[in-house]
Amino acid sequence: MSQNTIQRKIILPLVSLLKQGAEPSRLSLALASDSFIGVFPVLGIATVAFAGVAALYRLNLPAIQLANYLVFPMQIILFSLFFM
């Protein structure tokens, strides 16, 4: 695949999904709720919880899921601390 094809087929659709409903207040609410729920000590629950929060507050689901994947290492690190 050439660079132009990758940009047209992968990067541009992803950027358009992230810009969808990207008001600064909504985006900050999505990222703040993600940081709060993302460290929940039960593995696998965060994705379902994020989808519910995104549907309830009509937030940008791709942005929440991207932040979910970024917070996941912190969830793993804090996992043992929650159960001590």
N, C-alpha and C. Protein backbone atom coordinates (compact mmCIF):
# COMPACT_ATOMS: atom_id res chain seq x y z
N MET A 1 0.84 -1.19 0.00
CA MET A 1 0.00 0.00 0.00
C MET A 1 0.88 1.24 0.00
N SER A 2 0.47 2.18 -0.75
CA SER A 2 1.23 3.42 -0.77
C SER A 2 0.78 4.32 0.38
N GLN A 3 1.57 5.33 0.65
CA GLN A 3 1.29 6.27 1.74
C GLN A 3 -0.05 6.98 1.51
N ASN A 4 -0.33 7.33 0.27
CA ASN A 4 -1.57 8.03 -0.05
C ASN A 4 -2.79 7.15 0.20
N THR A 5 -2.70 5.87 -0.12
CA THR A 5 -3.81 4.94 0.10
C THR A 5 -4.06 4.74 1.59
N ILE A 6 -3.01 4.62 2.37
CA ILE A 6 -3.16 4.46 3.82
C ILE A 6 -3.82 5.68 4.42
N GLN A 7 -3.38 6.85 3.98
CA GLN A 7 -3.97 8.07 4.52
C GLN A 7 -5.45 8.18 4.13
N ARG A 8 -5.77 7.85 2.89
CA ARG A 8 -7.15 7.98 2.42
C ARG A 8 -8.08 6.94 3.04
N LYS A 9 -7.61 5.72 3.23
CA LYS A 9 -8.49 4.64 3.70
C LYS A 9 -8.51 4.46 5.21
N ILE A 10 -7.46 4.88 5.91
CA ILE A 10 -7.39 4.64 7.35
C ILE A 10 -7.38 5.94 8.15
N ILE A 11 -6.45 6.82 7.84
CA ILE A 11 -6.25 8.00 8.68
C ILE A 11 -7.39 9.00 8.54
N LEU A 12 -7.80 9.33 7.34
CA LEU A 12 -8.87 10.33 7.16
C LEU A 12 -10.21 9.90 7.76
N PRO A 13 -10.66 8.64 7.59
CA PRO A 13 -11.90 8.24 8.27
C PRO A 13 -11.79 8.27 9.79
N LEU A 14 -10.63 7.91 10.33
CA LEU A 14 -10.43 7.95 11.78
C LEU A 14 -10.48 9.38 12.30
N VAL A 15 -9.85 10.29 11.59
CA VAL A 15 -9.85 11.70 12.00
C VAL A 15 -11.27 12.27 11.92
N SER A 16 -12.02 11.91 10.89
CA SER A 16 -13.40 12.41 10.79
C SER A 16 -14.28 11.86 11.91
N LEU A 17 -14.04 10.61 12.34
CA LEU A 17 -14.79 10.06 13.47
C LEU A 17 -14.44 10.79 14.77
N LEU A 18 -13.17 11.12 14.94
CA LEU A 18 -12.76 11.81 16.16
C LEU A 18 -13.26 13.25 16.20
N LYS A 19 -13.43 13.88 15.04
CA LYS A 19 -13.91 15.26 14.99
C LYS A 19 -15.42 15.36 15.12
N GLN A 20 -16.11 14.26 15.00
CA GLN A 20 -17.56 14.23 15.04
C GLN A 20 -18.04 14.64 16.43
N GLY A 21 -18.73 15.75 16.52
CA GLY A 21 -19.24 16.24 17.80
C GLY A 21 -18.13 16.64 18.75
N ALA A 22 -17.07 17.22 18.21
CA ALA A 22 -15.88 17.52 19.01
C ALA A 22 -15.88 18.94 19.56
N GLU A 23 -16.93 19.32 20.27
CA GLU A 23 -16.91 20.59 20.98
C GLU A 23 -15.94 20.44 22.14
N PRO A 24 -15.21 21.48 22.49
CA PRO A 24 -14.22 21.34 23.56
C PRO A 24 -14.82 20.88 24.89
N SER A 25 -15.99 21.37 25.25
CA SER A 25 -16.59 20.96 26.52
C SER A 25 -16.99 19.48 26.49
N ARG A 26 -17.52 19.01 25.37
CA ARG A 26 -17.91 17.61 25.24
C ARG A 26 -16.69 16.70 25.23
N LEU A 27 -15.65 17.14 24.54
CA LEU A 27 -14.44 16.33 24.47
C LEU A 27 -13.76 16.24 25.84
N SER A 28 -13.75 17.34 26.58
CA SER A 28 -13.16 17.30 27.91
C SER A 28 -13.99 16.45 28.86
N LEU A 29 -15.32 16.46 28.72
CA LEU A 29 -16.17 15.59 29.53
C LEU A 29 -15.91 14.13 29.20
N ALA A 30 -15.72 13.83 27.93
CA ALA A 30 -15.44 12.46 27.52
C ALA A 30 -14.11 11.98 28.09
N LEU A 31 -13.08 12.81 28.01
CA LEU A 31 -11.77 12.40 28.50
C LEU A 31 -11.72 12.34 30.03
N ALA A 32 -12.43 13.25 30.70
CA ALA A 32 -12.46 13.22 32.16
C ALA A 32 -13.21 12.00 32.67
N SER A 33 -14.34 11.68 32.04
CA SER A 33 -15.08 10.49 32.46
C SER A 33 -14.28 9.23 32.17
N ASP A 34 -13.52 9.25 31.09
CA ASP A 34 -12.70 8.11 30.75
C ASP A 34 -11.59 7.91 31.79
N SER A 35 -10.98 8.99 32.22
CA SER A 35 -9.92 8.88 33.21
C SER A 35 -10.47 8.36 34.54
N PHE A 36 -11.68 8.72 34.86
CA PHE A 36 -12.31 8.28 36.11
C PHE A 36 -12.72 6.81 36.03
N ILE A 37 -13.38 6.43 34.97
CA ILE A 37 -13.88 5.06 34.84
C ILE A 37 -12.78 4.11 34.38
N GLY A 38 -11.77 4.63 33.70
CA GLY A 38 -10.74 3.80 33.11
C GLY A 38 -9.90 3.01 34.08
N VAL A 39 -9.82 3.46 35.30
CA VAL A 39 -9.01 2.74 36.29
C VAL A 39 -9.88 1.85 37.18
N PHE A 40 -11.11 1.60 36.80
CA PHE A 40 -12.00 0.71 37.54
C PHE A 40 -11.35 -0.66 37.63
N PRO A 41 -11.29 -1.28 38.81
CA PRO A 41 -10.46 -2.47 39.00
C PRO A 41 -11.01 -3.78 38.45
N VAL A 42 -12.03 -3.76 37.64
CA VAL A 42 -12.55 -4.99 37.05
C VAL A 42 -12.24 -4.95 35.56
N LEU A 43 -11.43 -5.90 35.10
CA LEU A 43 -11.02 -5.92 33.70
C LEU A 43 -12.21 -6.24 32.79
N GLY A 44 -12.33 -5.49 31.71
CA GLY A 44 -13.37 -5.72 30.72
C GLY A 44 -14.64 -4.92 30.93
N ILE A 45 -14.86 -4.40 32.11
CA ILE A 45 -16.06 -3.63 32.41
C ILE A 45 -15.97 -2.21 31.84
N ALA A 46 -14.75 -1.69 31.73
CA ALA A 46 -14.56 -0.30 31.32
C ALA A 46 -15.16 -0.02 29.94
N THR A 47 -15.00 -0.92 28.99
CA THR A 47 -15.51 -0.70 27.64
C THR A 47 -17.02 -0.59 27.65
N VAL A 48 -17.68 -1.46 28.38
CA VAL A 48 -19.15 -1.41 28.48
C VAL A 48 -19.60 -0.14 29.19
N ALA A 49 -18.89 0.22 30.25
CA ALA A 49 -19.24 1.44 30.99
C ALA A 49 -19.04 2.68 30.13
N PHE A 50 -17.99 2.71 29.34
CA PHE A 50 -17.75 3.86 28.46
C PHE A 50 -18.82 3.98 27.40
N ALA A 51 -19.24 2.86 26.86
CA ALA A 51 -20.29 2.90 25.85
C ALA A 51 -21.59 3.44 26.46
N GLY A 52 -21.88 3.05 27.69
CA GLY A 52 -23.07 3.56 28.37
C GLY A 52 -22.98 5.04 28.65
N VAL A 53 -21.83 5.50 29.11
CA VAL A 53 -21.64 6.94 29.39
C VAL A 53 -21.72 7.74 28.10
N ALA A 54 -21.12 7.22 27.03
CA ALA A 54 -21.16 7.91 25.74
C ALA A 54 -22.59 8.01 25.22
N ALA A 55 -23.36 6.96 25.37
CA ALA A 55 -24.75 7.00 24.91
C ALA A 55 -25.60 7.91 25.79
N LEU A 56 -25.37 7.89 27.09
CA LEU A 56 -26.15 8.70 28.02
C LEU A 56 -25.92 10.19 27.81
N TYR A 57 -24.67 10.59 27.66
CA TYR A 57 -24.35 12.01 27.51
C TYR A 57 -24.11 12.43 26.07
N ARG A 58 -24.30 11.52 25.12
CA ARG A 58 -24.10 11.77 23.70
C ARG A 58 -22.71 12.30 23.40
N LEU A 59 -21.73 11.55 23.88
CA LEU A 59 -20.34 11.93 23.70
C LEU A 59 -19.75 11.19 22.51
N ASN A 60 -18.57 11.58 22.12
CA ASN A 60 -17.87 11.00 20.99
C ASN A 60 -17.30 9.64 21.38
N LEU A 61 -17.93 8.56 20.93
CA LEU A 61 -17.53 7.21 21.31
C LEU A 61 -16.11 6.86 20.85
N PRO A 62 -15.69 7.19 19.62
CA PRO A 62 -14.31 6.87 19.25
C PRO A 62 -13.28 7.57 20.13
N ALA A 63 -13.54 8.80 20.54
CA ALA A 63 -12.60 9.50 21.42
C ALA A 63 -12.54 8.84 22.79
N ILE A 64 -13.68 8.38 23.29
CA ILE A 64 -13.70 7.70 24.58
C ILE A 64 -12.95 6.37 24.50
N GLN A 65 -13.15 5.63 23.43
CA GLN A 65 -12.46 4.35 23.31
C GLN A 65 -10.96 4.53 23.12
N LEU A 66 -10.56 5.58 22.41
CA LEU A 66 -9.14 5.86 22.26
C LEU A 66 -8.53 6.19 23.61
N ALA A 67 -9.21 7.00 24.39
CA ALA A 67 -8.72 7.32 25.73
C ALA A 67 -8.74 6.08 26.62
N ASN A 68 -9.70 5.20 26.42
CA ASN A 68 -9.77 3.94 27.18
C ASN A 68 -8.51 3.13 26.95
N TYR A 69 -8.07 3.02 25.71
CA TYR A 69 -6.87 2.26 25.41
C TYR A 69 -5.62 2.94 25.96
N LEU A 70 -5.64 4.26 26.07
CA LEU A 70 -4.50 4.97 26.63
C LEU A 70 -4.43 4.84 28.14
N VAL A 71 -5.57 4.68 28.81
CA VAL A 71 -5.62 4.56 30.27
C VAL A 71 -5.43 3.11 30.72
N PHE A 72 -5.57 2.16 29.83
CA PHE A 72 -5.52 0.75 30.19
C PHE A 72 -4.23 0.35 30.92
N PRO A 73 -3.04 0.81 30.50
CA PRO A 73 -1.84 0.44 31.27
C PRO A 73 -1.89 0.92 32.73
N MET A 74 -2.49 2.07 32.96
CA MET A 74 -2.62 2.56 34.34
C MET A 74 -3.57 1.66 35.12
N GLN A 75 -4.60 1.14 34.46
CA GLN A 75 -5.52 0.21 35.12
C GLN A 75 -4.78 -1.05 35.54
N ILE A 76 -3.93 -1.57 34.71
CA ILE A 76 -3.17 -2.78 35.03
C ILE A 76 -2.21 -2.51 36.19
N ILE A 77 -1.54 -1.34 36.17
CA ILE A 77 -0.61 -1.01 37.25
C ILE A 77 -1.34 -0.86 38.57
N LEU A 78 -2.49 -0.21 38.55
CA LEU A 78 -3.24 0.03 39.79
C LEU A 78 -4.07 -1.17 40.23
N PHE A 79 -4.19 -2.18 39.40
CA PHE A 79 -5.02 -3.34 39.69
C PHE A 79 -4.62 -4.00 41.00
N SER A 80 -3.33 -4.20 41.20
CA SER A 80 -2.89 -4.87 42.43
C SER A 80 -3.07 -3.96 43.65
N LEU A 81 -2.96 -2.66 43.46
CA LEU A 81 -3.13 -1.74 44.59
C LEU A 81 -4.57 -1.68 45.10
N PHE A 82 -5.52 -1.88 44.19
CA PHE A 82 -6.93 -1.85 44.60
C PHE A 82 -7.28 -3.03 45.50
N PHE A 83 -6.58 -4.13 45.33
CA PHE A 83 -6.92 -5.33 46.08
C PHE A 83 -5.99 -5.63 47.23
N MET A 84 -5.19 -4.68 47.65
CA MET A 84 -4.29 -4.88 48.80
C MET A 84 -5.00 -4.56 50.09
